Amino acid sequence: MKEINCSNNNNIVLGEGLASEEVNFVIPSHEFSKQAHVSSLQKYEEMYGKSMEDPAGFWSEIASEFYWKQKWGQPVYTDNLDIRNGKINIQWFKDGKTNICYNCLDRNIDAGNGDKFAILWEGNDLGRDATLTYTQLLARVCQLANYLKSIGVGKGDAVIIYLPMLMELPIAMLACARIGAVHSVVFAGFSAESLAQRIVDCKPKVVITCSAVKRGAKTIFLKDIVDDALTQSAQNSVKIDVCLTFENESALQKQMTKWVEGRDIWWQDVVPKYPVTCDVEWVDAEDPLFLLYTSGSTGKPKGVLHTTGGYMVYTATTFKYAFDYKPKDIYWCTADCGWITGHSYVTYGPLLNGATNVVFEGAPNYPDAGRCWDIVDKYKVSIFYTAPTLVRSLMREGDEHVTRYSRKSLRVLGSVGEPINPSAWRWFFNVVGDGKCPISDTWWQTETGGFMITPMPGAWPQKPGSATLPFFGVQPVIVDEKGVELKGECSGYLCVKNSWPSAFRTLYGDHERYETTYFSAFPGYYFTGDGCNRDKDGYYWLTGRVDDVINVSGHRIGTAEVESALVSHPQCVEAAVVGVEHDVKGQGIYVFVTLAEGVSYSEELRRSLIKVVRDKIGGFAAPDKIHWAPGLPKTRSGKIMRRILRKIASNSLDELGDTSTLADPTVVDQLIALAHS
């Protein structure tokens, strides 16, 4: 059995003190542990041991709790994660027939929970709210599913959803799943060009959007963005016949919305006319459920494909155990459904467990920095799951915005999207949770579908800033640059040694890229792209990306995407992008720009370069700092030495290392001299 050394005095028991900088462990209280799903380290090790020794038996037992029209065949799973042994292949519960929408809704209604609230919706503006019970949600889902069928959407067809956090977003996801269509939700902060890329790649039968949305005090005209994207996609030979548009009247009236007759359809004019029951399309466990595009280091977004059965079982199970979910809990995840967190832990994971789920349309600091805690008190939220970026930004605003609210309903906190630094962890624990709430600091990815390394509340001591131990069925390993597994206390590259049910199966239309990106660096393993430390107690500490992807506020942004946008500017001839530490966002975007001959640096040009990134990718990818660069440090073969750029960006000039191998070493001195211009 694992031994965790908590013998020193720098520990506190949950609920009996606050976490100072000297605190090493936060130990679960007896009261919390005795009611927890996993009540001790010993219980965890029993379950984890079974999941490793007999994955088929472990996951089959859990899968049997869901509804299957036809049980899966044998073997329960097959996989090959070693590119040297042929094609990478992962399958779980093959030949089992099920439907995730049925398991989210009908199964819970049949269990007597039809009148339980499924969604508590909070609008951007104070006083705007709505609710849906499980029965009401099913009716709304069925109406949309019937409409989609009426326009020819069927099993395997793609549907693009470009919506803000209205109730219609999870409704649209569930409606697609009910009829076997493959949804691809695009975050409604992406630009027209980014949306068009995704439309061209997956060729959807329909695009679903809304007129506009208010984020804080700002109105964003989503339909205009979609119109622009559909024009661009048509120029690339992908013409969309139907754009279903929800009138979000609080943001923009119908008559003010630009319209294309024959293509654009108002949701409110057609969907409510359809029946409130809809037959279920039973699909194979390995049939696709959704596509979600994530940034790649080549600049072209990657269409991560998740299938149905394994994803359903794994997301439901991780939600239950990582948050110690109980039927009386009110759960709120602040993520947008445009990201994987919104898929797994706003829509599917909570609803599969019959949870009551807060969905928030607005900005967490609007009308002021106390909005989150106003919502927590209003709905008596007991589980609150958010990103370190939000924690750090609220921390900056001051404790008074938190402490003027009760927050007595909170019992579990969670963190997602990037590693949470220990000081932010302590503030979250001390100020938001009053020292009484364990923090589930989850590590996972778009590609993994669900939590991979996470604390389990009540089971073992927590360390501020550590994701702690692996979830059931997950075998993380840390390897060196040669792919050799490191044992004990170490630092290196985080890989996963085995398959798990919710692993993504491919990159849409590009299995070769799937294999090259994730399985070729260290053959025999799934390579996460993250660096990681393991301490003497076996706890895992994520250190961030080791590839060319920057994690800004939990949004993964490929450096190549930003560089590509910048060099599209007529006065920019070359650009290099690196990530730097940012107090609020975790990582910021730091850009080195080389201008065309004869062009002078100016504030106007700086703003123009930022605008081109906003227009081509979205505001969340806007550079934080533009560093004028007459030249870039390159090897004689022309490769940009990003290692040197990172050191200049972070002002770590004593760590530049040997620059003599550069084609022009004097470039480095020029960049340092221009650092503060």
Foldseek 3Di string as FASTA:
>chain_A
DFDDDPPDPQEDEFPGDFRDPSRFWHWYDQVFLVLFPFNAQVSQCVQQVCCVVPVQVSLVVLLVVFDWPAWADPPQWDFFLFVVVPFGFIDGSFPTWDFLLCLLAVVCVVVVQQQPWAEWEAEADPPDTDTHGSLRLLLLLQLVLVVCVVLPDAAAAEEEEQEFLDSVVLSPLSSCRQRNYAYEYADNQWALQLVLLVCLQRLHQEYEYEQWGDAFNDIGGSLVRPVSNQVVNVVVVRHHQAYEYEYPPVRPDPVVGDDDPRHYDYCVVRSVVGGSDDHGDIDTQARWSYWAWAADQQQRTWTFTWGHSLLLSVLQVQLCFQQSDDQVAEAEEADICSFLCCVSPQRRNQSSVVHYYYTYRYYCQPVHVLNVLVVCQVVLHAEYEYELLNLLVSVVVDLVSQVVHDSPSYAEYEYDQAFHALVSQSCCCCRNVVSNYYYWDFDDHSQQSHGFQTDGRNHGIDGRRFRFGGDRNWAKFFAAQVQHTDDAWDKHFIWTQDHGSGGGGAGPPCRVCVCVVAADSRGNTGTPQWIWTAHNSRIIHTDGGPDQWERFQSGTHHQNNLQVLLCVPQFFPGKGWDWDQDSNGRTFIEMETATDPPDDDDPVVLVVSQVSSCNNTGNSNRHPYYFYFNDAFAAPVGHGPVVQVHCLLHVVVVPNPDSPRTPDSVSSVVSNVRSPD
